[in-house]
Amino acid sequence: MINDFSIDDYVIINKVFLSSFIAFLTTYLIAVVQLLPELGQVANIYFKDCIS
């Protein structure tokens, strides 16, 4: 079964995997960046409660 794969097939599979992985990473990063202000507000409230 491994012999059926040519180098070209392997390269194509790698490119597809890489592009999907990069797309996942960028989506994840965008979501995190959008959540940061809310997380900051929650952290502020939490720390104010701890300090006072």
PDB file of N, CA and C in Angstrom:
ATOM      1  N   MET A   1       0.843  -1.198   0.000  1.00  0.00           N
ATOM      2  CA  MET A   1       0.000   0.000   0.000  1.00  0.00           C
ATOM      3  C   MET A   1       0.881   1.251   0.000  1.00  0.00           C
ATOM      4  N   ILE A   2       1.955   1.220   0.752  1.00  0.00           N
ATOM      5  CA  ILE A   2       2.858   2.368   0.794  1.00  0.00           C
ATOM      6  C   ILE A   2       3.486   2.580  -0.576  1.00  0.00           C
ATOM      7  N   ASN A   3       3.735   1.489  -1.298  1.00  0.00           N
ATOM      8  CA  ASN A   3       4.377   1.594  -2.602  1.00  0.00           C
ATOM      9  C   ASN A   3       3.470   2.297  -3.609  1.00  0.00           C
ATOM     10  N   ASP A   4       2.155   2.267  -3.380  1.00  0.00           N
ATOM     11  CA  ASP A   4       1.225   2.922  -4.299  1.00  0.00           C
ATOM     12  C   ASP A   4       1.398   4.439  -4.261  1.00  0.00           C
ATOM     13  N   PHE A   5       1.857   4.960  -3.134  1.00  0.00           N
ATOM     14  CA  PHE A   5       2.040   6.400  -2.996  1.00  0.00           C
ATOM     15  C   PHE A   5       3.289   6.839  -3.742  1.00  0.00           C
ATOM     16  N   SER A   6       3.120   7.832  -4.582  1.00  0.00           N
ATOM     17  CA  SER A   6       4.295   8.437  -5.205  1.00  0.00           C
ATOM     18  C   SER A   6       4.682   9.666  -4.384  1.00  0.00           C
ATOM     19  N   ILE A   7       5.833  10.222  -4.689  1.00  0.00           N
ATOM     20  CA  ILE A   7       6.280  11.417  -3.966  1.00  0.00           C
ATOM     21  C   ILE A   7       5.291  12.565  -4.181  1.00  0.00           C
ATOM     22  N   ASP A   8       4.743  12.674  -5.391  1.00  0.00           N
ATOM     23  CA  ASP A   8       3.801  13.762  -5.693  1.00  0.00           C
ATOM     24  C   ASP A   8       2.561  13.664  -4.811  1.00  0.00           C
ATOM     25  N   ASP A   9       2.031  12.448  -4.656  1.00  0.00           N
ATOM     26  CA  ASP A   9       0.858  12.267  -3.801  1.00  0.00           C
ATOM     27  C   ASP A   9       1.178  12.712  -2.377  1.00  0.00           C
ATOM     28  N   TYR A  10       2.350  12.340  -1.909  1.00  0.00           N
ATOM     29  CA  TYR A  10       2.763  12.693  -0.550  1.00  0.00           C
ATOM     30  C   TYR A  10       2.842  14.212  -0.387  1.00  0.00           C
ATOM     31  N   VAL A  11       3.406  14.892  -1.390  1.00  0.00           N
ATOM     32  CA  VAL A  11       3.527  16.353  -1.340  1.00  0.00           C
ATOM     33  C   VAL A  11       2.145  16.994  -1.318  1.00  0.00           C
ATOM     34  N   ILE A  12       1.240  16.486  -2.152  1.00  0.00           N
ATOM     35  CA  ILE A  12      -0.121  17.042  -2.203  1.00  0.00           C
ATOM     36  C   ILE A  12      -0.805  16.871  -0.852  1.00  0.00           C
ATOM     37  N   ILE A  13      -0.681  15.681  -0.262  1.00  0.00           N
ATOM     38  CA  ILE A  13      -1.299  15.426   1.044  1.00  0.00           C
ATOM     39  C   ILE A  13      -0.719  16.383   2.082  1.00  0.00           C
ATOM     40  N   ASN A  14       0.591  16.574   2.046  1.00  0.00           N
ATOM     41  CA  ASN A  14       1.237  17.493   2.987  1.00  0.00           C
ATOM     42  C   ASN A  14       0.717  18.912   2.811  1.00  0.00           C
ATOM     43  N   LYS A  15       0.561  19.352   1.567  1.00  0.00           N
ATOM     44  CA  LYS A  15       0.078  20.714   1.312  1.00  0.00           C
ATOM     45  C   LYS A  15      -1.349  20.882   1.829  1.00  0.00           C
ATOM     46  N   VAL A  16      -2.191  19.887   1.587  1.00  0.00           N
ATOM     47  CA  VAL A  16      -3.579  19.961   2.058  1.00  0.00           C
ATOM     48  C   VAL A  16      -3.601  20.014   3.578  1.00  0.00           C
ATOM     49  N   PHE A  17      -2.791  19.162   4.203  1.00  0.00           N
ATOM     50  CA  PHE A  17      -2.745  19.130   5.666  1.00  0.00           C
ATOM     51  C   PHE A  17      -2.239  20.458   6.212  1.00  0.00           C
ATOM     52  N   LEU A  18      -1.185  20.980   5.602  1.00  0.00           N
ATOM     53  CA  LEU A  18      -0.612  22.244   6.069  1.00  0.00           C
ATOM     54  C   LEU A  18      -1.611  23.390   5.929  1.00  0.00           C
ATOM     55  N   SER A  19      -2.282  23.460   4.786  1.00  0.00           N
ATOM     56  CA  SER A  19      -3.213  24.569   4.568  1.00  0.00           C
ATOM     57  C   SER A  19      -4.385  24.491   5.543  1.00  0.00           C
ATOM     58  N   SER A  20      -4.899  23.283   5.796  1.00  0.00           N
ATOM     59  CA  SER A  20      -6.005  23.146   6.740  1.00  0.00           C
ATOM     60  C   SER A  20      -5.530  23.472   8.152  1.00  0.00           C
ATOM     61  N   PHE A  21      -4.295  23.078   8.467  1.00  0.00           N
ATOM     62  CA  PHE A  21      -3.737  23.365   9.790  1.00  0.00           C
ATOM     63  C   PHE A  21      -3.566  24.868   9.981  1.00  0.00           C
ATOM     64  N   ILE A  22      -3.076  25.555   8.952  1.00  0.00           N
ATOM     65  CA  ILE A  22      -2.887  27.008   9.018  1.00  0.00           C
ATOM     66  C   ILE A  22      -4.242  27.703   9.134  1.00  0.00           C
ATOM     67  N   ALA A  23      -5.232  27.224   8.394  1.00  0.00           N
ATOM     68  CA  ALA A  23      -6.573  27.806   8.473  1.00  0.00           C
ATOM     69  C   ALA A  23      -7.129  27.652   9.884  1.00  0.00           C
ATOM     70  N   PHE A  24      -6.925  26.469  10.477  1.00  0.00           N
ATOM     71  CA  PHE A  24      -7.380  26.231  11.846  1.00  0.00           C
ATOM     72  C   PHE A  24      -6.674  27.175  12.817  1.00  0.00           C
ATOM     73  N   LEU A  25      -5.367  27.329  12.638  1.00  0.00           N
ATOM     74  CA  LEU A  25      -4.593  28.202  13.535  1.00  0.00           C
ATOM     75  C   LEU A  25      -5.065  29.648  13.447  1.00  0.00           C
ATOM     76  N   THR A  26      -5.275  30.151  12.225  1.00  0.00           N
ATOM     77  CA  THR A  26      -5.687  31.545  12.075  1.00  0.00           C
ATOM     78  C   THR A  26      -7.080  31.758  12.672  1.00  0.00           C
ATOM     79  N   THR A  27      -7.980  30.795  12.456  1.00  0.00           N
ATOM     80  CA  THR A  27      -9.319  30.899  13.034  1.00  0.00           C
ATOM     81  C   THR A  27      -9.230  30.942  14.552  1.00  0.00           C
ATOM     82  N   TYR A  28      -8.383  30.059  15.117  1.00  0.00           N
ATOM     83  CA  TYR A  28      -8.202  30.001  16.566  1.00  0.00           C
ATOM     84  C   TYR A  28      -7.642  31.322  17.092  1.00  0.00           C
ATOM     85  N   LEU A  29      -6.634  31.854  16.384  1.00  0.00           N
ATOM     86  CA  LEU A  29      -6.012  33.111  16.819  1.00  0.00           C
ATOM     87  C   LEU A  29      -7.016  34.258  16.785  1.00  0.00           C
ATOM     88  N   ILE A  30      -7.822  34.321  15.714  1.00  0.00           N
ATOM     89  CA  ILE A  30      -8.818  35.392  15.604  1.00  0.00           C
ATOM     90  C   ILE A  30      -9.813  35.297  16.760  1.00  0.00           C
ATOM     91  N   ALA A  31     -10.249  34.087  17.073  1.00  0.00           N
ATOM     92  CA  ALA A  31     -11.201  33.896  18.171  1.00  0.00           C
ATOM     93  C   ALA A  31     -10.582  34.345  19.492  1.00  0.00           C
ATOM     94  N   VAL A  32      -9.324  33.980  19.717  1.00  0.00           N
ATOM     95  CA  VAL A  32      -8.646  34.364  20.960  1.00  0.00           C
ATOM     96  C   VAL A  32      -8.524  35.884  21.053  1.00  0.00           C
ATOM     97  N   VAL A  33      -8.143  36.516  19.941  1.00  0.00           N
ATOM     98  CA  VAL A  33      -7.975  37.975  19.943  1.00  0.00           C
ATOM     99  C   VAL A  33      -9.306  38.666  20.219  1.00  0.00           C
ATOM    100  N   GLN A  34     -10.390  38.129  19.670  1.00  0.00           N
ATOM    101  CA  GLN A  34     -11.698  38.732  19.893  1.00  0.00           C
ATOM    102  C   GLN A  34     -12.146  38.546  21.342  1.00  0.00           C
ATOM    103  N   LEU A  35     -11.695  37.452  21.974  1.00  0.00           N
ATOM    104  CA  LEU A  35     -12.103  37.181  23.351  1.00  0.00           C
ATOM    105  C   LEU A  35     -11.256  37.941  24.368  1.00  0.00           C
ATOM    106  N   LEU A  36     -10.080  38.415  23.946  1.00  0.00           N
ATOM    107  CA  LEU A  36      -9.153  39.043  24.896  1.00  0.00           C
ATOM    108  C   LEU A  36      -9.775  40.186  25.707  1.00  0.00           C
ATOM    109  N   PRO A  37     -10.497  41.134  25.099  1.00  0.00           N
ATOM    110  CA  PRO A  37     -11.078  42.223  25.899  1.00  0.00           C
ATOM    111  C   PRO A  37     -12.023  41.704  26.980  1.00  0.00           C
ATOM    112  N   GLU A  38     -12.861  40.722  26.635  1.00  0.00           N
ATOM    113  CA  GLU A  38     -13.790  40.169  27.617  1.00  0.00           C
ATOM    114  C   GLU A  38     -13.020  39.482  28.737  1.00  0.00           C
ATOM    115  N   LEU A  39     -11.979  38.726  28.367  1.00  0.00           N
ATOM    116  CA  LEU A  39     -11.159  38.063  29.379  1.00  0.00           C
ATOM    117  C   LEU A  39     -10.490  39.098  30.274  1.00  0.00           C
ATOM    118  N   GLY A  40     -10.052  40.204  29.681  1.00  0.00           N
ATOM    119  CA  GLY A  40      -9.427  41.263  30.461  1.00  0.00           C
ATOM    120  C   GLY A  40     -10.401  41.862  31.467  1.00  0.00           C
ATOM    121  N   GLN A  41     -11.641  42.086  31.056  1.00  0.00           N
ATOM    122  CA  GLN A  41     -12.655  42.635  31.957  1.00  0.00           C
ATOM    123  C   GLN A  41     -12.924  41.665  33.099  1.00  0.00           C
ATOM    124  N   VAL A  42     -13.052  40.384  32.765  1.00  0.00           N
ATOM    125  CA  VAL A  42     -13.295  39.369  33.794  1.00  0.00           C
ATOM    126  C   VAL A  42     -12.132  39.344  34.780  1.00  0.00           C
ATOM    127  N   ALA A  43     -10.905  39.404  34.252  1.00  0.00           N
ATOM    128  CA  ALA A  43      -9.719  39.392  35.110  1.00  0.00           C
ATOM    129  C   ALA A  43      -9.699  40.632  36.003  1.00  0.00           C
ATOM    130  N   ASN A  44     -10.047  41.793  35.448  1.00  0.00           N
ATOM    131  CA  ASN A  44     -10.083  43.032  36.238  1.00  0.00           C
ATOM    132  C   ASN A  44     -11.057  42.908  37.400  1.00  0.00           C
ATOM    133  N   ILE A  45     -12.266  42.445  37.101  1.00  0.00           N
ATOM    134  CA  ILE A  45     -13.286  42.295  38.144  1.00  0.00           C
ATOM    135  C   ILE A  45     -12.795  41.314  39.205  1.00  0.00           C
ATOM    136  N   TYR A  46     -12.214  40.221  38.743  1.00  0.00           N
ATOM    137  CA  TYR A  46     -11.746  39.180  39.662  1.00  0.00           C
ATOM    138  C   TYR A  46     -10.654  39.728  40.580  1.00  0.00           C
ATOM    139  N   PHE A  47      -9.694  40.437  40.001  1.00  0.00           N
ATOM    140  CA  PHE A  47      -8.583  40.963  40.797  1.00  0.00           C
ATOM    141  C   PHE A  47      -9.063  42.058  41.754  1.00  0.00           C
ATOM    142  N   LYS A  48     -10.030  42.869  41.313  1.00  0.00           N
ATOM    143  CA  LYS A  48     -10.563  43.904  42.198  1.00  0.00           C
ATOM    144  C   LYS A  48     -11.230  43.259  43.407  1.00  0.00           C
ATOM    145  N   ASP A  49     -11.946  42.164  43.174  1.00  0.00           N
ATOM    146  CA  ASP A  49     -12.580  41.460  44.288  1.00  0.00           C
ATOM    147  C   ASP A  49     -11.521  40.906  45.232  1.00  0.00           C
ATOM    148  N   CYS A  50     -10.437  40.391  44.682  1.00  0.00           N
ATOM    149  CA  CYS A  50      -9.383  39.809  45.507  1.00  0.00           C
ATOM    150  C   CYS A  50      -8.682  40.886  46.328  1.00  0.00           C
ATOM    151  N   ILE A  51      -8.455  42.052  45.709  1.00  0.00           N
ATOM    152  CA  ILE A  51      -7.700  43.111  46.393  1.00  0.00           C
ATOM    153  C   ILE A  51      -8.546  43.745  47.495  1.00  0.00           C
ATOM    154  N   SER A  52      -9.809  44.008  47.209  1.00  0.00           N
ATOM    155  CA  SER A  52     -10.645  44.703  48.184  1.00  0.00           C
ATOM    156  C   SER A  52     -11.178  43.767  49.262  1.00  0.00           C
TER     157      SER A  52
END
